[in-house]
Amino acid sequence: MQRFSATENFAVAIASGLGYLMASESAMALARFKLALLRIRSLRLDMLAALWECPILAGLQRLHGLERYERAALVQQKRALRFRDGGSIADLGA
């Protein structure tokens, strides 16, 4: 029995949930970017909880800096979706 990574499992779920065939390459890219967003958002929640307990300026600045990574992940996700809808592999930039 072949074992798949969480990203591969997520890519299969994304491709099957869309209701039509999707290239495994673009499904993997979309899964990577979705998982990155989930990790960033989870980290943000942890950081907010820490700030609630001990509000310090450095924590607030790190939280603000995290926004840059979230925006980048959102852009990559949009590119992966555009590729799925007929863009080129160069659009993914991954």
PDB file of N, CA and C in Angstrom:
ATOM      1  N   MET A   1       0.836  -1.180   0.000  1.00  0.00           N
ATOM      2  CA  MET A   1       0.000   0.000   0.000  1.00  0.00           C
ATOM      3  C   MET A   1       0.881   1.243   0.000  1.00  0.00           C
ATOM      4  N   GLN A   2       0.589   2.176  -0.894  1.00  0.00           N
ATOM      5  CA  GLN A   2       1.397   3.384  -1.026  1.00  0.00           C
ATOM      6  C   GLN A   2       0.918   4.433  -0.025  1.00  0.00           C
ATOM      7  N   ARG A   3       1.886   5.073   0.640  1.00  0.00           N
ATOM      8  CA  ARG A   3       1.557   6.132   1.600  1.00  0.00           C
ATOM      9  C   ARG A   3       1.722   7.486   0.927  1.00  0.00           C
ATOM     10  N   PHE A   4       0.786   8.364   1.180  1.00  0.00           N
ATOM     11  CA  PHE A   4       0.816   9.697   0.594  1.00  0.00           C
ATOM     12  C   PHE A   4       1.028  10.732   1.693  1.00  0.00           C
ATOM     13  N   SER A   5       1.644  11.836   1.303  1.00  0.00           N
ATOM     14  CA  SER A   5       1.832  12.932   2.253  1.00  0.00           C
ATOM     15  C   SER A   5       0.503  13.670   2.428  1.00  0.00           C
ATOM     16  N   ALA A   6       0.461  14.521   3.444  1.00  0.00           N
ATOM     17  CA  ALA A   6      -0.743  15.317   3.684  1.00  0.00           C
ATOM     18  C   ALA A   6      -1.039  16.203   2.479  1.00  0.00           C
ATOM     19  N   THR A   7       0.002  16.721   1.857  1.00  0.00           N
ATOM     20  CA  THR A   7      -0.188  17.570   0.679  1.00  0.00           C
ATOM     21  C   THR A   7      -0.791  16.783  -0.470  1.00  0.00           C
ATOM     22  N   GLU A   8      -0.291  15.570  -0.692  1.00  0.00           N
ATOM     23  CA  GLU A   8      -0.828  14.737  -1.770  1.00  0.00           C
ATOM     24  C   GLU A   8      -2.276  14.365  -1.497  1.00  0.00           C
ATOM     25  N   ASN A   9      -2.586  14.011  -0.258  1.00  0.00           N
ATOM     26  CA  ASN A   9      -3.968  13.684   0.091  1.00  0.00           C
ATOM     27  C   ASN A   9      -4.878  14.880  -0.115  1.00  0.00           C
ATOM     28  N   PHE A  10      -4.409  16.056   0.269  1.00  0.00           N
ATOM     29  CA  PHE A  10      -5.187  17.272   0.108  1.00  0.00           C
ATOM     30  C   PHE A  10      -5.382  17.590  -1.372  1.00  0.00           C
ATOM     31  N   ALA A  11      -4.344  17.378  -2.180  1.00  0.00           N
ATOM     32  CA  ALA A  11      -4.437  17.617  -3.623  1.00  0.00           C
ATOM     33  C   ALA A  11      -5.489  16.716  -4.254  1.00  0.00           C
ATOM     34  N   VAL A  12      -5.529  15.457  -3.858  1.00  0.00           N
ATOM     35  CA  VAL A  12      -6.537  14.529  -4.381  1.00  0.00           C
ATOM     36  C   VAL A  12      -7.927  15.000  -3.972  1.00  0.00           C
ATOM     37  N   ALA A  13      -8.083  15.429  -2.730  1.00  0.00           N
ATOM     38  CA  ALA A  13      -9.378  15.913  -2.254  1.00  0.00           C
ATOM     39  C   ALA A  13      -9.816  17.160  -3.017  1.00  0.00           C
ATOM     40  N   ILE A  14      -8.880  18.061  -3.278  1.00  0.00           N
ATOM     41  CA  ILE A  14      -9.205  19.275  -4.038  1.00  0.00           C
ATOM     42  C   ILE A  14      -9.643  18.915  -5.444  1.00  0.00           C
ATOM     43  N   ALA A  15      -8.855  18.071  -6.108  1.00  0.00           N
ATOM     44  CA  ALA A  15      -9.167  17.694  -7.494  1.00  0.00           C
ATOM     45  C   ALA A  15     -10.512  16.985  -7.583  1.00  0.00           C
ATOM     46  N   SER A  16     -10.795  16.092  -6.660  1.00  0.00           N
ATOM     47  CA  SER A  16     -12.060  15.360  -6.723  1.00  0.00           C
ATOM     48  C   SER A  16     -13.225  16.248  -6.313  1.00  0.00           C
ATOM     49  N   GLY A  17     -12.991  17.203  -5.429  1.00  0.00           N
ATOM     50  CA  GLY A  17     -14.059  18.090  -4.986  1.00  0.00           C
ATOM     51  C   GLY A  17     -14.474  19.110  -6.025  1.00  0.00           C
ATOM     52  N   LEU A  18     -13.623  19.370  -6.995  1.00  0.00           N
ATOM     53  CA  LEU A  18     -13.957  20.341  -8.031  1.00  0.00           C
ATOM     54  C   LEU A  18     -14.918  19.778  -9.067  1.00  0.00           C
ATOM     55  N   GLY A  19     -15.070  18.472  -9.094  1.00  0.00           N
ATOM     56  CA  GLY A  19     -16.056  17.874  -9.976  1.00  0.00           C
ATOM     57  C   GLY A  19     -15.599  17.665 -11.410  1.00  0.00           C
ATOM     58  N   TYR A  20     -14.373  17.941 -11.731  1.00  0.00           N
ATOM     59  CA  TYR A  20     -13.836  17.655 -13.051  1.00  0.00           C
ATOM     60  C   TYR A  20     -12.360  17.378 -12.934  1.00  0.00           C
ATOM     61  N   LEU A  21     -11.803  16.873 -13.995  1.00  0.00           N
ATOM     62  CA  LEU A  21     -10.386  16.514 -13.958  1.00  0.00           C
ATOM     63  C   LEU A  21      -9.521  17.757 -13.814  1.00  0.00           C
ATOM     64  N   MET A  22      -8.545  17.630 -12.963  1.00  0.00           N
ATOM     65  CA  MET A  22      -7.590  18.714 -12.733  1.00  0.00           C
ATOM     66  C   MET A  22      -6.207  18.094 -12.788  1.00  0.00           C
ATOM     67  N   ALA A  23      -5.297  18.740 -13.451  1.00  0.00           N
ATOM     68  CA  ALA A  23      -3.934  18.210 -13.545  1.00  0.00           C
ATOM     69  C   ALA A  23      -3.365  18.042 -12.144  1.00  0.00           C
ATOM     70  N   SER A  24      -2.705  16.919 -11.915  1.00  0.00           N
ATOM     71  CA  SER A  24      -2.159  16.656 -10.585  1.00  0.00           C
ATOM     72  C   SER A  24      -1.141  17.719 -10.187  1.00  0.00           C
ATOM     73  N   GLU A  25      -0.437  18.249 -11.165  1.00  0.00           N
ATOM     74  CA  GLU A  25       0.549  19.299 -10.917  1.00  0.00           C
ATOM     75  C   GLU A  25      -0.110  20.550 -10.329  1.00  0.00           C
ATOM     76  N   SER A  26      -1.215  20.977 -10.920  1.00  0.00           N
ATOM     77  CA  SER A  26      -1.887  22.177 -10.413  1.00  0.00           C
ATOM     78  C   SER A  26      -2.627  21.880  -9.114  1.00  0.00           C
ATOM     79  N   ALA A  27      -3.131  20.662  -8.943  1.00  0.00           N
ATOM     80  CA  ALA A  27      -3.781  20.291  -7.680  1.00  0.00           C
ATOM     81  C   ALA A  27      -2.755  20.283  -6.547  1.00  0.00           C
ATOM     82  N   MET A  28      -1.553  19.799  -6.824  1.00  0.00           N
ATOM     83  CA  MET A  28      -0.494  19.798  -5.801  1.00  0.00           C
ATOM     84  C   MET A  28      -0.108  21.228  -5.434  1.00  0.00           C
ATOM     85  N   ALA A  29       0.012  22.091  -6.434  1.00  0.00           N
ATOM     86  CA  ALA A  29       0.367  23.486  -6.167  1.00  0.00           C
ATOM     87  C   ALA A  29      -0.716  24.145  -5.317  1.00  0.00           C
ATOM     88  N   LEU A  30      -1.968  23.932  -5.688  1.00  0.00           N
ATOM     89  CA  LEU A  30      -3.066  24.516  -4.938  1.00  0.00           C
ATOM     90  C   LEU A  30      -3.083  23.984  -3.504  1.00  0.00           C
ATOM     91  N   ALA A  31      -2.836  22.701  -3.337  1.00  0.00           N
ATOM     92  CA  ALA A  31      -2.799  22.096  -1.995  1.00  0.00           C
ATOM     93  C   ALA A  31      -1.668  22.696  -1.163  1.00  0.00           C
ATOM     94  N   ARG A  32      -0.489  22.874  -1.767  1.00  0.00           N
ATOM     95  CA  ARG A  32       0.642  23.477  -1.036  1.00  0.00           C
ATOM     96  C   ARG A  32       0.292  24.874  -0.539  1.00  0.00           C
ATOM     97  N   PHE A  33      -0.340  25.672  -1.407  1.00  0.00           N
ATOM     98  CA  PHE A  33      -0.655  27.040  -1.043  1.00  0.00           C
ATOM     99  C   PHE A  33      -1.776  27.102  -0.007  1.00  0.00           C
ATOM    100  N   LYS A  34      -2.758  26.212  -0.135  1.00  0.00           N
ATOM    101  CA  LYS A  34      -3.837  26.144   0.853  1.00  0.00           C
ATOM    102  C   LYS A  34      -3.280  25.755   2.227  1.00  0.00           C
ATOM    103  N   LEU A  35      -2.394  24.759   2.250  1.00  0.00           N
ATOM    104  CA  LEU A  35      -1.798  24.331   3.518  1.00  0.00           C
ATOM    105  C   LEU A  35      -0.929  25.433   4.120  1.00  0.00           C
ATOM    106  N   ALA A  36      -0.242  26.183   3.260  1.00  0.00           N
ATOM    107  CA  ALA A  36       0.553  27.314   3.754  1.00  0.00           C
ATOM    108  C   ALA A  36      -0.355  28.344   4.421  1.00  0.00           C
ATOM    109  N   LEU A  37      -1.502  28.620   3.803  1.00  0.00           N
ATOM    110  CA  LEU A  37      -2.451  29.554   4.397  1.00  0.00           C
ATOM    111  C   LEU A  37      -2.960  29.049   5.740  1.00  0.00           C
ATOM    112  N   LEU A  38      -3.247  27.766   5.812  1.00  0.00           N
ATOM    113  CA  LEU A  38      -3.714  27.196   7.075  1.00  0.00           C
ATOM    114  C   LEU A  38      -2.658  27.322   8.171  1.00  0.00           C
ATOM    115  N   ARG A  39      -1.397  27.061   7.816  1.00  0.00           N
ATOM    116  CA  ARG A  39      -0.318  27.191   8.799  1.00  0.00           C
ATOM    117  C   ARG A  39      -0.154  28.643   9.254  1.00  0.00           C
ATOM    118  N   ILE A  40      -0.220  29.577   8.322  1.00  0.00           N
ATOM    119  CA  ILE A  40      -0.080  30.993   8.650  1.00  0.00           C
ATOM    120  C   ILE A  40      -1.219  31.440   9.557  1.00  0.00           C
ATOM    121  N   ARG A  41      -2.427  31.029   9.227  1.00  0.00           N
ATOM    122  CA  ARG A  41      -3.581  31.439  10.040  1.00  0.00           C
ATOM    123  C   ARG A  41      -3.548  30.806  11.423  1.00  0.00           C
ATOM    124  N   SER A  42      -3.062  29.584  11.514  1.00  0.00           N
ATOM    125  CA  SER A  42      -2.916  28.933  12.813  1.00  0.00           C
ATOM    126  C   SER A  42      -1.869  29.666  13.651  1.00  0.00           C
ATOM    127  N   LEU A  43      -0.770  30.038  13.009  1.00  0.00           N
ATOM    128  CA  LEU A  43       0.280  30.787  13.694  1.00  0.00           C
ATOM    129  C   LEU A  43      -0.245  32.136  14.171  1.00  0.00           C
ATOM    130  N   ARG A  44      -1.062  32.780  13.342  1.00  0.00           N
ATOM    131  CA  ARG A  44      -1.631  34.073  13.730  1.00  0.00           C
ATOM    132  C   ARG A  44      -2.504  33.927  14.977  1.00  0.00           C
ATOM    133  N   LEU A  45      -3.315  32.872  15.028  1.00  0.00           N
ATOM    134  CA  LEU A  45      -4.142  32.642  16.215  1.00  0.00           C
ATOM    135  C   LEU A  45      -3.286  32.447  17.464  1.00  0.00           C
ATOM    136  N   ASP A  46      -2.199  31.681  17.332  1.00  0.00           N
ATOM    137  CA  ASP A  46      -1.287  31.486  18.460  1.00  0.00           C
ATOM    138  C   ASP A  46      -0.661  32.808  18.900  1.00  0.00           C
ATOM    139  N   MET A  47      -0.282  33.618  17.923  1.00  0.00           N
ATOM    140  CA  MET A  47       0.334  34.904  18.235  1.00  0.00           C
ATOM    141  C   MET A  47      -0.674  35.840  18.908  1.00  0.00           C
ATOM    142  N   LEU A  48      -1.922  35.827  18.442  1.00  0.00           N
ATOM    143  CA  LEU A  48      -2.957  36.655  19.061  1.00  0.00           C
ATOM    144  C   LEU A  48      -3.212  36.223  20.502  1.00  0.00           C
ATOM    145  N   ALA A  49      -3.223  34.920  20.724  1.00  0.00           N
ATOM    146  CA  ALA A  49      -3.418  34.413  22.084  1.00  0.00           C
ATOM    147  C   ALA A  49      -2.270  34.852  22.988  1.00  0.00           C
ATOM    148  N   ALA A  50      -1.048  34.801  22.469  1.00  0.00           N
ATOM    149  CA  ALA A  50       0.114  35.228  23.254  1.00  0.00           C
ATOM    150  C   ALA A  50       0.051  36.731  23.542  1.00  0.00           C
ATOM    151  N   LEU A  51      -0.392  37.509  22.558  1.00  0.00           N
ATOM    152  CA  LEU A  51      -0.526  38.957  22.765  1.00  0.00           C
ATOM    153  C   LEU A  51      -1.604  39.268  23.797  1.00  0.00           C
ATOM    154  N   TRP A  52      -2.646  38.472  23.812  1.00  0.00           N
ATOM    155  CA  TRP A  52      -3.722  38.683  24.775  1.00  0.00           C
ATOM    156  C   TRP A  52      -3.186  38.488  26.196  1.00  0.00           C
ATOM    157  N   GLU A  53      -2.333  37.477  26.347  1.00  0.00           N
ATOM    158  CA  GLU A  53      -1.764  37.175  27.660  1.00  0.00           C
ATOM    159  C   GLU A  53      -0.710  38.201  28.085  1.00  0.00           C
ATOM    160  N   CYS A  54       0.101  38.618  27.116  1.00  0.00           N
ATOM    161  CA  CYS A  54       1.203  39.527  27.438  1.00  0.00           C
ATOM    162  C   CYS A  54       1.395  40.495  26.265  1.00  0.00           C
ATOM    163  N   PRO A  55       0.652  41.596  26.264  1.00  0.00           N
ATOM    164  CA  PRO A  55       0.742  42.528  25.131  1.00  0.00           C
ATOM    165  C   PRO A  55       2.084  43.272  25.108  1.00  0.00           C
ATOM    166  N   ILE A  56       2.877  42.973  24.079  1.00  0.00           N
ATOM    167  CA  ILE A  56       4.153  43.654  23.895  1.00  0.00           C
ATOM    168  C   ILE A  56       4.247  44.134  22.452  1.00  0.00           C
ATOM    169  N   LEU A  57       4.967  45.193  22.250  1.00  0.00           N
ATOM    170  CA  LEU A  57       5.083  45.793  20.921  1.00  0.00           C
ATOM    171  C   LEU A  57       5.737  44.847  19.926  1.00  0.00           C
ATOM    172  N   ALA A  58       6.761  44.114  20.342  1.00  0.00           N
ATOM    173  CA  ALA A  58       7.457  43.199  19.425  1.00  0.00           C
ATOM    174  C   ALA A  58       6.509  42.132  18.896  1.00  0.00           C
ATOM    175  N   GLY A  59       5.619  41.639  19.747  1.00  0.00           N
ATOM    176  CA  GLY A  59       4.648  40.638  19.303  1.00  0.00           C
ATOM    177  C   GLY A  59       3.683  41.210  18.291  1.00  0.00           C
ATOM    178  N   LEU A  60       3.289  42.460  18.497  1.00  0.00           N
ATOM    179  CA  LEU A  60       2.395  43.125  17.560  1.00  0.00           C
ATOM    180  C   LEU A  60       3.080  43.337  16.212  1.00  0.00           C
ATOM    181  N   GLN A  61       4.354  43.681  16.250  1.00  0.00           N
ATOM    182  CA  GLN A  61       5.101  43.881  15.010  1.00  0.00           C
ATOM    183  C   GLN A  61       5.267  42.564  14.247  1.00  0.00           C
ATOM    184  N   ARG A  62       5.516  41.468  14.968  1.00  0.00           N
ATOM    185  CA  ARG A  62       5.633  40.155  14.312  1.00  0.00           C
ATOM    186  C   ARG A  62       4.293  39.757  13.698  1.00  0.00           C
ATOM    187  N   LEU A  63       3.218  40.052  14.387  1.00  0.00           N
ATOM    188  CA  LEU A  63       1.883  39.754  13.872  1.00  0.00           C
ATOM    189  C   LEU A  63       1.630  40.539  12.590  1.00  0.00           C
ATOM    190  N   HIS A  64       2.032  41.799  12.589  1.00  0.00           N
ATOM    191  CA  HIS A  64       1.883  42.618  11.385  1.00  0.00           C
ATOM    192  C   HIS A  64       2.739  42.076  10.242  1.00  0.00           C
ATOM    193  N   GLY A  65       3.934  41.610  10.556  1.00  0.00           N
ATOM    194  CA  GLY A  65       4.816  41.037   9.531  1.00  0.00           C
ATOM    195  C   GLY A  65       4.271  39.751   8.931  1.00  0.00           C
ATOM    196  N   LEU A  66       3.490  39.021   9.714  1.00  0.00           N
ATOM    197  CA  LEU A  66       2.899  37.777   9.227  1.00  0.00           C
ATOM    198  C   LEU A  66       1.918  38.037   8.083  1.00  0.00           C
ATOM    199  N   GLU A  67       1.341  39.220   8.073  1.00  0.00           N
ATOM    200  CA  GLU A  67       0.388  39.586   7.029  1.00  0.00           C
ATOM    201  C   GLU A  67       1.024  39.510   5.636  1.00  0.00           C
ATOM    202  N   ARG A  68       2.299  39.850   5.550  1.00  0.00           N
ATOM    203  CA  ARG A  68       3.007  39.789   4.263  1.00  0.00           C
ATOM    204  C   ARG A  68       3.024  38.372   3.712  1.00  0.00           C
ATOM    205  N   TYR A  69       3.269  37.398   4.599  1.00  0.00           N
ATOM    206  CA  TYR A  69       3.308  36.005   4.164  1.00  0.00           C
ATOM    207  C   TYR A  69       1.920  35.503   3.774  1.00  0.00           C
ATOM    208  N   GLU A  70       0.909  35.980   4.472  1.00  0.00           N
ATOM    209  CA  GLU A  70      -0.446  35.568   4.126  1.00  0.00           C
ATOM    210  C   GLU A  70      -0.842  36.125   2.760  1.00  0.00           C
ATOM    211  N   ARG A  71      -0.503  37.368   2.504  1.00  0.00           N
ATOM    212  CA  ARG A  71      -0.816  37.953   1.192  1.00  0.00           C
ATOM    213  C   ARG A  71      -0.111  37.186   0.079  1.00  0.00           C
ATOM    214  N   ALA A  72       1.146  36.827   0.294  1.00  0.00           N
ATOM    215  CA  ALA A  72       1.897  36.078  -0.719  1.00  0.00           C
ATOM    216  C   ALA A  72       1.254  34.717  -0.962  1.00  0.00           C
ATOM    217  N   ALA A  73       0.829  34.048   0.095  1.00  0.00           N
ATOM    218  CA  ALA A  73       0.181  32.739  -0.059  1.00  0.00           C
ATOM    219  C   ALA A  73      -1.143  32.878  -0.796  1.00  0.00           C
ATOM    220  N   LEU A  74      -1.877  33.951  -0.538  1.00  0.00           N
ATOM    221  CA  LEU A  74      -3.135  34.176  -1.249  1.00  0.00           C
ATOM    222  C   LEU A  74      -2.896  34.413  -2.740  1.00  0.00           C
ATOM    223  N   VAL A  75      -1.856  35.177  -3.053  1.00  0.00           N
ATOM    224  CA  VAL A  75      -1.515  35.424  -4.460  1.00  0.00           C
ATOM    225  C   VAL A  75      -1.151  34.111  -5.151  1.00  0.00           C
ATOM    226  N   GLN A  76      -0.354  33.286  -4.489  1.00  0.00           N
ATOM    227  CA  GLN A  76       0.031  31.997  -5.071  1.00  0.00           C
ATOM    228  C   GLN A  76      -1.190  31.098  -5.268  1.00  0.00           C
ATOM    229  N   GLN A  77      -2.109  31.141  -4.312  1.00  0.00           N
ATOM    230  CA  GLN A  77      -3.325  30.346  -4.452  1.00  0.00           C
ATOM    231  C   GLN A  77      -4.132  30.808  -5.656  1.00  0.00           C
ATOM    232  N   LYS A  78      -4.262  32.117  -5.838  1.00  0.00           N
ATOM    233  CA  LYS A  78      -4.988  32.650  -6.995  1.00  0.00           C
ATOM    234  C   LYS A  78      -4.315  32.237  -8.298  1.00  0.00           C
ATOM    235  N   ARG A  79      -2.981  32.239  -8.311  1.00  0.00           N
ATOM    236  CA  ARG A  79      -2.261  31.815  -9.518  1.00  0.00           C
ATOM    237  C   ARG A  79      -2.521  30.346  -9.821  1.00  0.00           C
ATOM    238  N   ALA A  80      -2.539  29.528  -8.785  1.00  0.00           N
ATOM    239  CA  ALA A  80      -2.810  28.108  -8.979  1.00  0.00           C
ATOM    240  C   ALA A  80      -4.223  27.904  -9.527  1.00  0.00           C
ATOM    241  N   LEU A  81      -5.169  28.683  -9.050  1.00  0.00           N
ATOM    242  CA  LEU A  81      -6.540  28.586  -9.559  1.00  0.00           C
ATOM    243  C   LEU A  81      -6.625  29.086 -10.996  1.00  0.00           C
ATOM    244  N   ARG A  82      -5.866  30.128 -11.305  1.00  0.00           N
ATOM    245  CA  ARG A  82      -5.847  30.642 -12.679  1.00  0.00           C
ATOM    246  C   ARG A  82      -5.252  29.587 -13.610  1.00  0.00           C
ATOM    247  N   PHE A  83      -4.192  28.914 -13.151  1.00  0.00           N
ATOM    248  CA  PHE A  83      -3.575  27.856 -13.948  1.00  0.00           C
ATOM    249  C   PHE A  83      -4.598  26.747 -14.203  1.00  0.00           C
ATOM    250  N   ARG A  84      -5.357  26.415 -13.178  1.00  0.00           N
ATOM    251  CA  ARG A  84      -6.391  25.389 -13.317  1.00  0.00           C
ATOM    252  C   ARG A  84      -7.411  25.795 -14.368  1.00  0.00           C
ATOM    253  N   ASP A  85      -7.681  27.088 -14.445  1.00  0.00           N
ATOM    254  CA  ASP A  85      -8.681  27.572 -15.380  1.00  0.00           C
ATOM    255  C   ASP A  85      -8.112  27.907 -16.751  1.00  0.00           C
ATOM    256  N   GLY A  86      -6.897  27.439 -17.046  1.00  0.00           N
ATOM    257  CA  GLY A  86      -6.367  27.604 -18.384  1.00  0.00           C
ATOM    258  C   GLY A  86      -5.116  28.450 -18.495  1.00  0.00           C
ATOM    259  N   GLY A  87      -4.488  28.801 -17.392  1.00  0.00           N
ATOM    260  CA  GLY A  87      -3.245  29.557 -17.444  1.00  0.00           C
ATOM    261  C   GLY A  87      -2.091  28.646 -17.810  1.00  0.00           C
ATOM    262  N   SER A  88      -0.898  29.183 -17.772  1.00  0.00           N
ATOM    263  CA  SER A  88       0.290  28.368 -18.082  1.00  0.00           C
ATOM    264  C   SER A  88       1.021  28.024 -16.812  1.00  0.00           C
ATOM    265  N   ILE A  89       1.884  27.015 -16.860  1.00  0.00           N
ATOM    266  CA  ILE A  89       2.642  26.570 -15.705  1.00  0.00           C
ATOM    267  C   ILE A  89       3.544  27.687 -15.190  1.00  0.00           C
ATOM    268  N   ALA A  90       3.943  28.614 -16.053  1.00  0.00           N
ATOM    269  CA  ALA A  90       4.793  29.728 -15.631  1.00  0.00           C
ATOM    270  C   ALA A  90       4.040  30.659 -14.688  1.00  0.00           C
ATOM    271  N   ASP A  91       2.691  30.646 -14.737  1.00  0.00           N
ATOM    272  CA  ASP A  91       1.896  31.477 -13.850  1.00  0.00           C
ATOM    273  C   ASP A  91       2.029  31.073 -12.391  1.00  0.00           C
ATOM    274  N   LEU A  92       2.379  29.810 -12.131  1.00  0.00           N
ATOM    275  CA  LEU A  92       2.414  29.326 -10.753  1.00  0.00           C
ATOM    276  C   LEU A  92       3.575  29.911  -9.982  1.00  0.00           C
ATOM    277  N   GLY A  93       4.713  30.068 -10.600  1.00  0.00           N
ATOM    278  CA  GLY A  93       5.861  30.663  -9.922  1.00  0.00           C
ATOM    279  C   GLY A  93       6.339  29.874  -8.723  1.00  0.00           C
ATOM    280  N   ALA A  94       6.082  28.586  -8.672  1.00  0.00           N
ATOM    281  CA  ALA A  94       6.488  27.771  -7.521  1.00  0.00           C
ATOM    282  C   ALA A  94       7.558  26.792  -7.900  1.00  0.00           C
TER     283      ALA A  94
END
